[in-house]
Amino acid sequence: MLTGIVIDALDVARMDRFWLDALQGRTGGLELRFVPTAKPKAAHKNRLHLDLAGGPEWEAEVARLLALGATRIDIGQGDVPWDVLADPEGNEFCVLRPGHPGVLADSGLVAICLDVSEEDRYAQLDFWQSRAGWQTVESHDWGARLRRSPTSTVSLVMGPPAAPKTARNRLRLEVTHRDWEPGEFLDAGGNEFHVTC
């Protein structure tokens, strides 16, 4: 079962505090776990990022996140119905504006977005349905959306384009399963993920 996200952090306490304040406890039952690293984020875009609901007052929500230590960034997104920010260590995340398709909450974490290549799309979908225990609720040209249940407020969204993989991913999915060997493994697209018991 998909139970959380593991995030590499230069300053674990600072990152934990930022995300605790940013999400205000609204994680859809998923745990964010920070692990120490000595390597800063590389210049390339992460393959995994989080989407937060901006709610009806999305401009105020973006301002609140900026006051907590987020920064605005441009990853080439163009004119889109969301704001792209980075946490204090440069990890991208999006704040979705009201009316965004597939969003079932007005605040907090609403999606974990995993970049997958067009070639890996169906292999990744099969892989994560079996590992996460979540089911596909949408499948379109842009990709697919999985949920723990049809009414779960957090979804796993997979779709292209996939950022080039030049190093270990800073953000990784975490799966809990008592019958699997604990450790770090690779998914069908070469992305690291964690298994805990």
N, C-alpha and C. Protein backbone atom coordinates (compact mmCIF):
# COMPACT_ATOMS: atom_id res chain seq x y z
N MET A 1 0.84 -1.18 0.00
CA MET A 1 0.00 0.00 0.00
C MET A 1 0.89 1.25 0.00
N LEU A 2 0.57 2.20 -0.86
CA LEU A 2 1.29 3.48 -0.88
C LEU A 2 0.93 4.25 0.39
N THR A 3 1.94 4.54 1.20
CA THR A 3 1.68 5.17 2.50
C THR A 3 2.40 6.49 2.70
N GLY A 4 3.33 6.85 1.79
CA GLY A 4 4.02 8.10 2.03
C GLY A 4 5.00 8.49 0.95
N ILE A 5 5.70 9.58 1.22
CA ILE A 5 6.72 10.13 0.34
C ILE A 5 7.97 10.36 1.18
N VAL A 6 9.11 9.90 0.66
CA VAL A 6 10.40 10.10 1.31
C VAL A 6 11.10 11.24 0.57
N ILE A 7 11.61 12.22 1.31
CA ILE A 7 12.24 13.40 0.71
C ILE A 7 13.64 13.58 1.29
N ASP A 8 14.64 13.62 0.42
CA ASP A 8 16.01 13.93 0.86
C ASP A 8 16.06 15.39 1.31
N ALA A 9 16.77 15.66 2.39
CA ALA A 9 16.85 17.03 2.92
C ALA A 9 18.23 17.33 3.47
N LEU A 10 18.75 18.49 3.11
CA LEU A 10 20.00 18.98 3.69
C LEU A 10 19.77 19.36 5.15
N ASP A 11 18.61 19.96 5.42
CA ASP A 11 18.23 20.37 6.77
C ASP A 11 16.88 19.73 7.08
N VAL A 12 16.91 18.57 7.70
CA VAL A 12 15.70 17.79 7.96
C VAL A 12 14.69 18.57 8.79
N ALA A 13 15.15 19.23 9.85
CA ALA A 13 14.24 19.96 10.73
C ALA A 13 13.54 21.10 9.98
N ARG A 14 14.29 21.84 9.19
CA ARG A 14 13.70 22.96 8.43
C ARG A 14 12.67 22.46 7.42
N MET A 15 13.00 21.39 6.69
CA MET A 15 12.07 20.86 5.69
C MET A 15 10.83 20.27 6.34
N ASP A 16 11.01 19.58 7.44
CA ASP A 16 9.86 19.03 8.16
C ASP A 16 8.94 20.15 8.63
N ARG A 17 9.52 21.22 9.16
CA ARG A 17 8.73 22.36 9.63
C ARG A 17 8.00 23.04 8.48
N PHE A 18 8.70 23.24 7.34
CA PHE A 18 8.07 23.89 6.19
C PHE A 18 6.87 23.09 5.72
N TRP A 19 7.05 21.79 5.50
CA TRP A 19 5.95 20.99 4.95
C TRP A 19 4.84 20.76 5.96
N LEU A 20 5.17 20.70 7.24
CA LEU A 20 4.13 20.61 8.27
C LEU A 20 3.25 21.85 8.23
N ASP A 21 3.87 23.03 8.14
CA ASP A 21 3.13 24.29 8.06
C ASP A 21 2.42 24.44 6.72
N ALA A 22 3.07 24.03 5.65
CA ALA A 22 2.48 24.17 4.31
C ALA A 22 1.22 23.35 4.17
N LEU A 23 1.26 22.11 4.66
CA LEU A 23 0.12 21.20 4.48
C LEU A 23 -0.90 21.30 5.61
N GLN A 24 -0.52 21.86 6.73
CA GLN A 24 -1.41 22.02 7.89
C GLN A 24 -2.11 20.70 8.25
N GLY A 25 -1.36 19.61 8.16
CA GLY A 25 -1.89 18.30 8.54
C GLY A 25 -2.77 17.65 7.49
N ARG A 26 -2.98 18.30 6.36
CA ARG A 26 -3.89 17.75 5.33
C ARG A 26 -3.07 16.97 4.30
N THR A 27 -2.79 15.71 4.64
CA THR A 27 -1.95 14.87 3.78
C THR A 27 -2.72 13.69 3.20
N GLY A 28 -4.01 13.63 3.44
CA GLY A 28 -4.79 12.49 2.94
C GLY A 28 -4.35 11.17 3.52
N GLY A 29 -3.78 11.19 4.72
CA GLY A 29 -3.34 9.97 5.38
C GLY A 29 -1.95 9.51 4.96
N LEU A 30 -1.27 10.26 4.12
CA LEU A 30 0.09 9.90 3.71
C LEU A 30 1.11 10.58 4.61
N GLU A 31 2.23 9.90 4.82
CA GLU A 31 3.30 10.46 5.67
C GLU A 31 4.40 11.03 4.79
N LEU A 32 4.87 12.21 5.14
CA LEU A 32 6.07 12.77 4.52
C LEU A 32 7.22 12.51 5.48
N ARG A 33 8.24 11.81 4.98
CA ARG A 33 9.38 11.45 5.81
C ARG A 33 10.63 12.06 5.18
N PHE A 34 11.42 12.76 6.00
CA PHE A 34 12.61 13.45 5.52
C PHE A 34 13.84 12.70 5.99
N VAL A 35 14.76 12.47 5.05
CA VAL A 35 15.99 11.76 5.37
C VAL A 35 17.18 12.65 5.03
N PRO A 36 18.21 12.64 5.86
CA PRO A 36 19.34 13.54 5.63
C PRO A 36 20.15 13.16 4.39
N THR A 37 20.62 14.18 3.71
CA THR A 37 21.53 14.02 2.58
C THR A 37 22.53 15.16 2.61
N ALA A 38 23.71 14.92 2.03
CA ALA A 38 24.71 15.98 1.93
C ALA A 38 24.70 16.61 0.54
N LYS A 39 23.88 16.05 -0.36
CA LYS A 39 23.86 16.54 -1.74
C LYS A 39 22.70 17.50 -1.97
N PRO A 40 22.97 18.72 -2.40
CA PRO A 40 21.88 19.65 -2.73
C PRO A 40 21.17 19.20 -4.00
N LYS A 41 19.97 19.75 -4.20
CA LYS A 41 19.20 19.42 -5.39
C LYS A 41 19.96 19.86 -6.64
N ALA A 42 19.97 18.99 -7.64
CA ALA A 42 20.59 19.32 -8.93
C ALA A 42 19.68 20.28 -9.68
N ALA A 43 20.17 20.83 -10.76
CA ALA A 43 19.44 21.85 -11.51
C ALA A 43 18.20 21.31 -12.22
N HIS A 44 18.17 20.02 -12.50
CA HIS A 44 17.05 19.50 -13.27
C HIS A 44 15.78 19.36 -12.42
N LYS A 45 14.65 19.28 -13.11
CA LYS A 45 13.34 19.14 -12.46
C LYS A 45 13.22 17.73 -11.86
N ASN A 46 12.62 17.66 -10.68
CA ASN A 46 12.37 16.36 -10.05
C ASN A 46 11.37 15.56 -10.88
N ARG A 47 11.49 14.24 -10.84
CA ARG A 47 10.51 13.38 -11.52
C ARG A 47 9.25 13.20 -10.70
N LEU A 48 9.31 13.49 -9.42
CA LEU A 48 8.15 13.36 -8.53
C LEU A 48 7.96 14.70 -7.85
N HIS A 49 6.72 15.20 -7.84
CA HIS A 49 6.44 16.44 -7.12
C HIS A 49 5.03 16.37 -6.53
N LEU A 50 4.75 17.29 -5.63
CA LEU A 50 3.46 17.33 -4.94
C LEU A 50 2.60 18.46 -5.50
N ASP A 51 1.29 18.22 -5.53
CA ASP A 51 0.31 19.25 -5.89
C ASP A 51 -0.52 19.56 -4.65
N LEU A 52 -0.67 20.84 -4.35
CA LEU A 52 -1.49 21.30 -3.24
C LEU A 52 -2.70 22.02 -3.81
N ALA A 53 -3.83 21.92 -3.12
CA ALA A 53 -5.03 22.66 -3.53
C ALA A 53 -4.91 24.09 -3.03
N GLY A 54 -5.12 25.03 -3.94
CA GLY A 54 -5.09 26.45 -3.56
C GLY A 54 -6.39 26.92 -2.95
N GLY A 55 -7.49 26.22 -3.28
CA GLY A 55 -8.80 26.61 -2.75
C GLY A 55 -9.31 27.88 -3.39
N PRO A 56 -10.48 28.33 -2.94
CA PRO A 56 -11.08 29.53 -3.53
C PRO A 56 -10.23 30.78 -3.35
N GLU A 57 -9.39 30.81 -2.34
CA GLU A 57 -8.50 31.96 -2.08
C GLU A 57 -7.07 31.58 -2.44
N TRP A 58 -6.88 31.03 -3.65
CA TRP A 58 -5.58 30.50 -4.03
C TRP A 58 -4.47 31.55 -4.00
N GLU A 59 -4.79 32.80 -4.30
CA GLU A 59 -3.74 33.83 -4.26
C GLU A 59 -3.23 34.02 -2.83
N ALA A 60 -4.15 34.00 -1.87
CA ALA A 60 -3.76 34.11 -0.46
C ALA A 60 -2.97 32.88 -0.02
N GLU A 61 -3.35 31.71 -0.55
CA GLU A 61 -2.62 30.49 -0.21
C GLU A 61 -1.19 30.53 -0.75
N VAL A 62 -1.03 31.01 -1.98
CA VAL A 62 0.32 31.15 -2.55
C VAL A 62 1.13 32.14 -1.70
N ALA A 63 0.53 33.25 -1.31
CA ALA A 63 1.22 34.24 -0.47
C ALA A 63 1.63 33.62 0.86
N ARG A 64 0.76 32.79 1.45
CA ARG A 64 1.08 32.13 2.72
C ARG A 64 2.28 31.20 2.55
N LEU A 65 2.29 30.44 1.46
CA LEU A 65 3.40 29.51 1.21
C LEU A 65 4.71 30.26 0.96
N LEU A 66 4.64 31.39 0.26
CA LEU A 66 5.83 32.21 0.04
C LEU A 66 6.36 32.75 1.37
N ALA A 67 5.46 33.14 2.26
CA ALA A 67 5.87 33.65 3.57
C ALA A 67 6.52 32.55 4.42
N LEU A 68 6.15 31.30 4.16
CA LEU A 68 6.75 30.18 4.90
C LEU A 68 8.16 29.83 4.40
N GLY A 69 8.53 30.34 3.22
CA GLY A 69 9.86 30.06 2.69
C GLY A 69 9.88 29.48 1.29
N ALA A 70 8.71 29.30 0.67
CA ALA A 70 8.67 28.85 -0.73
C ALA A 70 9.12 29.98 -1.64
N THR A 71 9.50 29.63 -2.87
CA THR A 71 9.85 30.63 -3.88
C THR A 71 9.12 30.28 -5.17
N ARG A 72 8.86 31.31 -5.98
CA ARG A 72 8.30 31.07 -7.32
C ARG A 72 9.41 30.60 -8.24
N ILE A 73 9.08 29.64 -9.11
CA ILE A 73 10.07 29.17 -10.08
C ILE A 73 9.40 28.98 -11.44
N ASP A 74 10.23 28.99 -12.45
CA ASP A 74 9.77 28.75 -13.81
C ASP A 74 10.48 27.52 -14.33
N ILE A 75 9.69 26.48 -14.62
CA ILE A 75 10.24 25.25 -15.18
C ILE A 75 9.77 25.08 -16.63
N GLY A 76 9.35 26.21 -17.22
CA GLY A 76 8.86 26.17 -18.58
C GLY A 76 7.39 25.85 -18.68
N GLN A 77 6.64 26.07 -17.58
CA GLN A 77 5.24 25.68 -17.54
C GLN A 77 4.33 26.54 -18.41
N GLY A 78 4.74 27.75 -18.74
CA GLY A 78 3.90 28.61 -19.57
C GLY A 78 2.66 29.08 -18.82
N ASP A 79 1.58 29.33 -19.56
CA ASP A 79 0.33 29.83 -18.98
C ASP A 79 -0.54 28.65 -18.57
N VAL A 80 -0.51 28.31 -17.29
CA VAL A 80 -1.23 27.14 -16.78
C VAL A 80 -2.10 27.55 -15.59
N PRO A 81 -3.13 26.75 -15.26
CA PRO A 81 -4.01 27.08 -14.14
C PRO A 81 -3.47 26.62 -12.78
N TRP A 82 -2.19 26.79 -12.57
CA TRP A 82 -1.57 26.50 -11.29
C TRP A 82 -0.31 27.35 -11.15
N ASP A 83 0.16 27.48 -9.93
CA ASP A 83 1.38 28.22 -9.64
C ASP A 83 2.47 27.21 -9.29
N VAL A 84 3.65 27.38 -9.87
CA VAL A 84 4.77 26.49 -9.58
C VAL A 84 5.68 27.19 -8.58
N LEU A 85 5.88 26.52 -7.45
CA LEU A 85 6.74 27.03 -6.38
C LEU A 85 7.81 25.98 -6.08
N ALA A 86 8.76 26.36 -5.26
CA ALA A 86 9.77 25.42 -4.78
C ALA A 86 9.85 25.55 -3.26
N ASP A 87 10.09 24.42 -2.61
CA ASP A 87 10.26 24.44 -1.16
C ASP A 87 11.64 25.04 -0.83
N PRO A 88 11.99 25.18 0.44
CA PRO A 88 13.26 25.84 0.78
C PRO A 88 14.52 25.17 0.22
N GLU A 89 14.43 23.92 -0.22
CA GLU A 89 15.60 23.26 -0.81
C GLU A 89 15.47 23.08 -2.32
N GLY A 90 14.50 23.79 -2.93
CA GLY A 90 14.40 23.81 -4.38
C GLY A 90 13.54 22.75 -5.02
N ASN A 91 12.83 21.94 -4.23
CA ASN A 91 11.96 20.92 -4.79
C ASN A 91 10.66 21.55 -5.28
N GLU A 92 10.34 21.32 -6.55
CA GLU A 92 9.14 21.91 -7.15
C GLU A 92 7.87 21.34 -6.53
N PHE A 93 6.86 22.18 -6.44
CA PHE A 93 5.51 21.74 -6.14
C PHE A 93 4.53 22.73 -6.77
N CYS A 94 3.30 22.30 -6.96
CA CYS A 94 2.30 23.14 -7.62
C CYS A 94 1.17 23.47 -6.66
N VAL A 95 0.62 24.67 -6.83
CA VAL A 95 -0.58 25.08 -6.11
C VAL A 95 -1.67 25.23 -7.17
N LEU A 96 -2.65 24.34 -7.11
CA LEU A 96 -3.70 24.29 -8.12
C LEU A 96 -4.78 25.33 -7.83
N ARG A 97 -5.25 25.96 -8.87
CA ARG A 97 -6.31 26.96 -8.73
C ARG A 97 -7.67 26.29 -8.68
N PRO A 98 -8.71 26.99 -8.21
CA PRO A 98 -10.05 26.39 -8.11
C PRO A 98 -10.53 25.86 -9.46
N GLY A 99 -11.28 24.77 -9.39
CA GLY A 99 -11.85 24.18 -10.60
C GLY A 99 -10.92 23.24 -11.34
N HIS A 100 -9.75 22.98 -10.77
CA HIS A 100 -8.80 22.07 -11.43
C HIS A 100 -9.41 20.66 -11.47
N PRO A 101 -9.40 20.01 -12.63
CA PRO A 101 -10.01 18.67 -12.74
C PRO A 101 -9.36 17.66 -11.80
N GLY A 102 -10.19 16.82 -11.22
CA GLY A 102 -9.71 15.74 -10.39
C GLY A 102 -9.39 16.10 -8.96
N VAL A 103 -9.56 17.37 -8.58
CA VAL A 103 -9.26 17.80 -7.21
C VAL A 103 -10.51 17.65 -6.34
N LEU A 104 -10.37 16.90 -5.24
CA LEU A 104 -11.51 16.62 -4.36
C LEU A 104 -11.42 17.31 -3.01
N ALA A 105 -10.50 18.27 -2.86
CA ALA A 105 -10.34 19.00 -1.60
C ALA A 105 -9.99 20.45 -1.90
N ASP A 106 -10.26 21.34 -0.94
CA ASP A 106 -9.95 22.76 -1.10
C ASP A 106 -8.60 23.15 -0.52
N SER A 107 -7.94 22.22 0.18
CA SER A 107 -6.65 22.56 0.78
C SER A 107 -5.83 21.29 0.97
N GLY A 108 -4.54 21.50 1.23
CA GLY A 108 -3.65 20.39 1.52
C GLY A 108 -3.17 19.66 0.28
N LEU A 109 -2.57 18.50 0.53
CA LEU A 109 -2.03 17.66 -0.52
C LEU A 109 -3.18 17.03 -1.31
N VAL A 110 -3.16 17.19 -2.63
CA VAL A 110 -4.22 16.59 -3.45
C VAL A 110 -3.67 15.65 -4.51
N ALA A 111 -2.38 15.73 -4.83
CA ALA A 111 -1.81 14.82 -5.83
C ALA A 111 -0.32 14.65 -5.63
N ILE A 112 0.13 13.44 -5.92
CA ILE A 112 1.54 13.12 -6.04
C ILE A 112 1.73 12.87 -7.53
N CYS A 113 2.56 13.67 -8.17
CA CYS A 113 2.72 13.59 -9.62
C CYS A 113 4.05 12.93 -9.97
N LEU A 114 3.96 11.82 -10.70
CA LEU A 114 5.13 11.07 -11.12
C LEU A 114 5.26 11.18 -12.63
N ASP A 115 6.37 11.79 -13.07
CA ASP A 115 6.63 11.87 -14.51
C ASP A 115 6.93 10.47 -15.04
N VAL A 116 6.25 10.10 -16.12
CA VAL A 116 6.55 8.84 -16.80
C VAL A 116 6.66 9.12 -18.29
N SER A 117 7.53 8.40 -18.95
CA SER A 117 7.67 8.58 -20.40
C SER A 117 6.50 7.91 -21.10
N GLU A 118 6.26 8.32 -22.32
CA GLU A 118 5.18 7.72 -23.11
C GLU A 118 5.41 6.22 -23.27
N GLU A 119 6.68 5.82 -23.44
CA GLU A 119 7.00 4.40 -23.62
C GLU A 119 6.75 3.59 -22.34
N ASP A 120 6.97 4.21 -21.18
CA ASP A 120 6.83 3.51 -19.90
C ASP A 120 5.43 3.63 -19.29
N ARG A 121 4.55 4.39 -19.93
CA ARG A 121 3.27 4.74 -19.31
C ARG A 121 2.48 3.53 -18.81
N TYR A 122 2.27 2.54 -19.66
CA TYR A 122 1.42 1.41 -19.26
C TYR A 122 2.14 0.48 -18.30
N ALA A 123 3.44 0.33 -18.48
CA ALA A 123 4.21 -0.48 -17.52
C ALA A 123 4.18 0.16 -16.14
N GLN A 124 4.32 1.50 -16.10
CA GLN A 124 4.27 2.21 -14.81
C GLN A 124 2.88 2.11 -14.19
N LEU A 125 1.85 2.24 -14.99
CA LEU A 125 0.48 2.13 -14.48
C LEU A 125 0.26 0.76 -13.85
N ASP A 126 0.63 -0.30 -14.56
CA ASP A 126 0.49 -1.65 -14.01
C ASP A 126 1.33 -1.83 -12.75
N PHE A 127 2.56 -1.34 -12.80
CA PHE A 127 3.47 -1.48 -11.67
C PHE A 127 2.89 -0.82 -10.42
N TRP A 128 2.44 0.46 -10.55
CA TRP A 128 1.99 1.18 -9.37
C TRP A 128 0.60 0.75 -8.90
N GLN A 129 -0.23 0.25 -9.78
CA GLN A 129 -1.50 -0.32 -9.31
C GLN A 129 -1.22 -1.52 -8.41
N SER A 130 -0.27 -2.36 -8.81
CA SER A 130 0.02 -3.56 -8.01
C SER A 130 0.78 -3.22 -6.73
N ARG A 131 1.70 -2.24 -6.75
CA ARG A 131 2.50 -1.92 -5.57
C ARG A 131 1.76 -1.00 -4.60
N ALA A 132 1.04 -0.02 -5.14
CA ALA A 132 0.39 0.97 -4.29
C ALA A 132 -0.92 0.46 -3.72
N GLY A 133 -1.56 -0.46 -4.41
CA GLY A 133 -2.87 -0.90 -3.97
C GLY A 133 -3.95 0.13 -4.30
N TRP A 134 -3.62 1.06 -5.18
CA TRP A 134 -4.57 2.09 -5.61
C TRP A 134 -5.07 1.72 -7.00
N GLN A 135 -6.26 2.18 -7.35
CA GLN A 135 -6.86 1.83 -8.62
C GLN A 135 -6.97 3.04 -9.55
N THR A 136 -6.94 2.77 -10.85
CA THR A 136 -7.08 3.83 -11.84
C THR A 136 -8.51 4.37 -11.82
N VAL A 137 -8.63 5.69 -11.70
CA VAL A 137 -9.95 6.33 -11.75
C VAL A 137 -10.09 7.19 -13.00
N GLU A 138 -8.96 7.51 -13.65
CA GLU A 138 -8.97 8.25 -14.91
C GLU A 138 -7.80 7.79 -15.76
N SER A 139 -8.02 7.71 -17.07
CA SER A 139 -6.94 7.43 -18.00
C SER A 139 -7.23 8.20 -19.28
N HIS A 140 -6.30 9.07 -19.65
CA HIS A 140 -6.47 9.95 -20.81
C HIS A 140 -5.16 10.02 -21.58
N ASP A 141 -5.15 10.83 -22.63
CA ASP A 141 -3.92 11.03 -23.39
C ASP A 141 -2.82 11.63 -22.53
N TRP A 142 -3.20 12.48 -21.54
CA TRP A 142 -2.21 13.13 -20.70
C TRP A 142 -1.62 12.20 -19.65
N GLY A 143 -2.25 11.05 -19.41
CA GLY A 143 -1.75 10.14 -18.40
C GLY A 143 -2.88 9.48 -17.63
N ALA A 144 -2.61 9.14 -16.38
CA ALA A 144 -3.59 8.42 -15.57
C ALA A 144 -3.59 8.94 -14.14
N ARG A 145 -4.72 8.74 -13.46
CA ARG A 145 -4.89 9.12 -12.06
C ARG A 145 -5.32 7.89 -11.28
N LEU A 146 -4.61 7.60 -10.19
CA LEU A 146 -4.95 6.49 -9.30
C LEU A 146 -5.37 7.06 -7.95
N ARG A 147 -6.29 6.36 -7.28
CA ARG A 147 -6.71 6.72 -5.93
C ARG A 147 -6.81 5.47 -5.07
N ARG A 148 -6.64 5.68 -3.77
CA ARG A 148 -6.82 4.60 -2.80
C ARG A 148 -8.27 4.12 -2.83
N SER A 149 -9.19 5.07 -2.92
CA SER A 149 -10.62 4.80 -3.06
C SER A 149 -11.19 5.91 -3.92
N PRO A 150 -12.38 5.73 -4.49
CA PRO A 150 -12.95 6.77 -5.36
C PRO A 150 -13.10 8.13 -4.68
N THR A 151 -13.23 8.15 -3.35
CA THR A 151 -13.43 9.42 -2.64
C THR A 151 -12.17 9.92 -1.93
N SER A 152 -11.05 9.22 -2.09
CA SER A 152 -9.80 9.66 -1.47
C SER A 152 -9.42 11.03 -2.02
N THR A 153 -8.97 11.92 -1.15
CA THR A 153 -8.65 13.29 -1.57
C THR A 153 -7.29 13.41 -2.23
N VAL A 154 -6.43 12.39 -2.11
CA VAL A 154 -5.10 12.43 -2.72
C VAL A 154 -5.04 11.40 -3.85
N SER A 155 -4.47 11.81 -4.97
CA SER A 155 -4.33 10.89 -6.10
C SER A 155 -2.86 10.79 -6.49
N LEU A 156 -2.54 9.69 -7.16
CA LEU A 156 -1.23 9.51 -7.78
C LEU A 156 -1.45 9.74 -9.27
N VAL A 157 -0.84 10.80 -9.79
CA VAL A 157 -1.02 11.18 -11.20
C VAL A 157 0.26 10.84 -11.94
N MET A 158 0.12 10.11 -13.04
CA MET A 158 1.27 9.71 -13.83
C MET A 158 1.09 10.14 -15.27
N GLY A 159 2.13 10.75 -15.84
CA GLY A 159 2.04 11.15 -17.23
C GLY A 159 3.33 11.77 -17.71
N PRO A 160 3.45 11.86 -19.04
CA PRO A 160 4.63 12.49 -19.62
C PRO A 160 4.53 14.01 -19.51
N PRO A 161 5.63 14.72 -19.73
CA PRO A 161 6.94 14.17 -20.10
C PRO A 161 7.72 13.77 -18.85
N ALA A 162 8.65 12.86 -19.02
CA ALA A 162 9.51 12.45 -17.92
C ALA A 162 10.81 13.25 -17.97
N ALA A 163 11.16 13.86 -16.86
CA ALA A 163 12.43 14.58 -16.77
C ALA A 163 13.57 13.57 -16.91
N PRO A 164 14.67 13.99 -17.51
CA PRO A 164 15.82 13.08 -17.64
C PRO A 164 16.28 12.61 -16.25
N LYS A 165 16.66 11.37 -16.16
CA LYS A 165 17.13 10.83 -14.88
C LYS A 165 18.65 10.84 -14.90
N THR A 166 19.23 11.76 -14.15
CA THR A 166 20.69 11.89 -14.11
C THR A 166 21.26 11.53 -12.75
N ALA A 167 20.40 11.37 -11.76
CA ALA A 167 20.85 11.05 -10.40
C ALA A 167 19.69 10.42 -9.64
N ARG A 168 19.97 10.00 -8.45
CA ARG A 168 18.94 9.43 -7.58
C ARG A 168 17.86 10.48 -7.33
N ASN A 169 16.58 10.06 -7.36
CA ASN A 169 15.47 10.98 -7.13
C ASN A 169 15.46 11.49 -5.69
N ARG A 170 15.25 12.79 -5.53
CA ARG A 170 15.17 13.39 -4.18
C ARG A 170 13.85 13.07 -3.49
N LEU A 171 12.78 12.91 -4.26
CA LEU A 171 11.48 12.53 -3.72
C LEU A 171 11.16 11.13 -4.22
N ARG A 172 10.73 10.27 -3.30
CA ARG A 172 10.45 8.88 -3.65
C ARG A 172 9.18 8.43 -2.96
N LEU A 173 8.45 7.56 -3.63
CA LEU A 173 7.25 6.98 -3.04
C LEU A 173 7.65 5.93 -2.01
N GLU A 174 6.79 5.77 -0.99
CA GLU A 174 7.04 4.76 0.03
C GLU A 174 5.83 3.84 0.12
N VAL A 175 6.12 2.55 0.08
CA VAL A 175 5.09 1.51 0.11
C VAL A 175 5.29 0.69 1.38
N THR A 176 4.20 0.39 2.07
CA THR A 176 4.26 -0.46 3.26
C THR A 176 3.62 -1.79 2.94
N HIS A 177 4.37 -2.86 3.17
CA HIS A 177 3.86 -4.21 2.92
C HIS A 177 4.61 -5.19 3.81
N ARG A 178 3.89 -5.91 4.63
CA ARG A 178 4.56 -6.79 5.61
C ARG A 178 5.20 -8.02 4.97
N ASP A 179 4.80 -8.39 3.75
CA ASP A 179 5.35 -9.58 3.12
C ASP A 179 6.51 -9.29 2.17
N TRP A 180 6.86 -8.02 1.99
CA TRP A 180 7.95 -7.67 1.08
C TRP A 180 9.21 -7.35 1.86
N GLU A 181 10.33 -7.57 1.24
CA GLU A 181 11.61 -7.23 1.83
C GLU A 181 11.73 -5.71 1.92
N PRO A 182 12.07 -5.15 3.11
CA PRO A 182 12.25 -3.70 3.19
C PRO A 182 13.52 -3.25 2.47
N GLY A 183 13.50 -2.02 2.00
CA GLY A 183 14.67 -1.45 1.33
C GLY A 183 14.27 -0.49 0.24
N GLU A 184 15.24 -0.15 -0.60
CA GLU A 184 14.99 0.75 -1.72
C GLU A 184 15.10 -0.03 -3.02
N PHE A 185 14.13 0.19 -3.91
CA PHE A 185 14.04 -0.54 -5.16
C PHE A 185 13.75 0.43 -6.30
N LEU A 186 13.73 -0.08 -7.53
CA LEU A 186 13.41 0.72 -8.71
C LEU A 186 12.08 0.30 -9.30
N ASP A 187 11.29 1.28 -9.73
CA ASP A 187 10.03 0.97 -10.40
C ASP A 187 10.28 0.70 -11.88
N ALA A 188 9.23 0.52 -12.65
CA ALA A 188 9.35 0.16 -14.07
C ALA A 188 10.01 1.26 -14.90
N GLY A 189 10.04 2.50 -14.38
CA GLY A 189 10.67 3.60 -15.10
C GLY A 189 12.03 3.97 -14.55
N GLY A 190 12.58 3.16 -13.65
CA GLY A 190 13.90 3.43 -13.09
C GLY A 190 13.91 4.40 -11.93
N ASN A 191 12.74 4.67 -11.33
CA ASN A 191 12.64 5.57 -10.18
C ASN A 191 12.75 4.79 -8.88
N GLU A 192 13.53 5.33 -7.95
CA GLU A 192 13.65 4.68 -6.65
C GLU A 192 12.35 4.79 -5.87
N PHE A 193 12.05 3.73 -5.09
CA PHE A 193 10.95 3.79 -4.13
C PHE A 193 11.34 2.94 -2.92
N HIS A 194 10.70 3.21 -1.81
CA HIS A 194 11.02 2.53 -0.56
C HIS A 194 9.93 1.54 -0.19
N VAL A 195 10.34 0.44 0.43
CA VAL A 195 9.42 -0.53 1.00
C VAL A 195 9.71 -0.61 2.48
N THR A 196 8.67 -0.45 3.30
CA THR A 196 8.78 -0.64 4.74
C THR A 196 7.79 -1.71 5.17
N CYS A 197 8.03 -2.29 6.33
CA CYS A 197 7.12 -3.33 6.85
C CYS A 197 6.10 -2.74 7.80
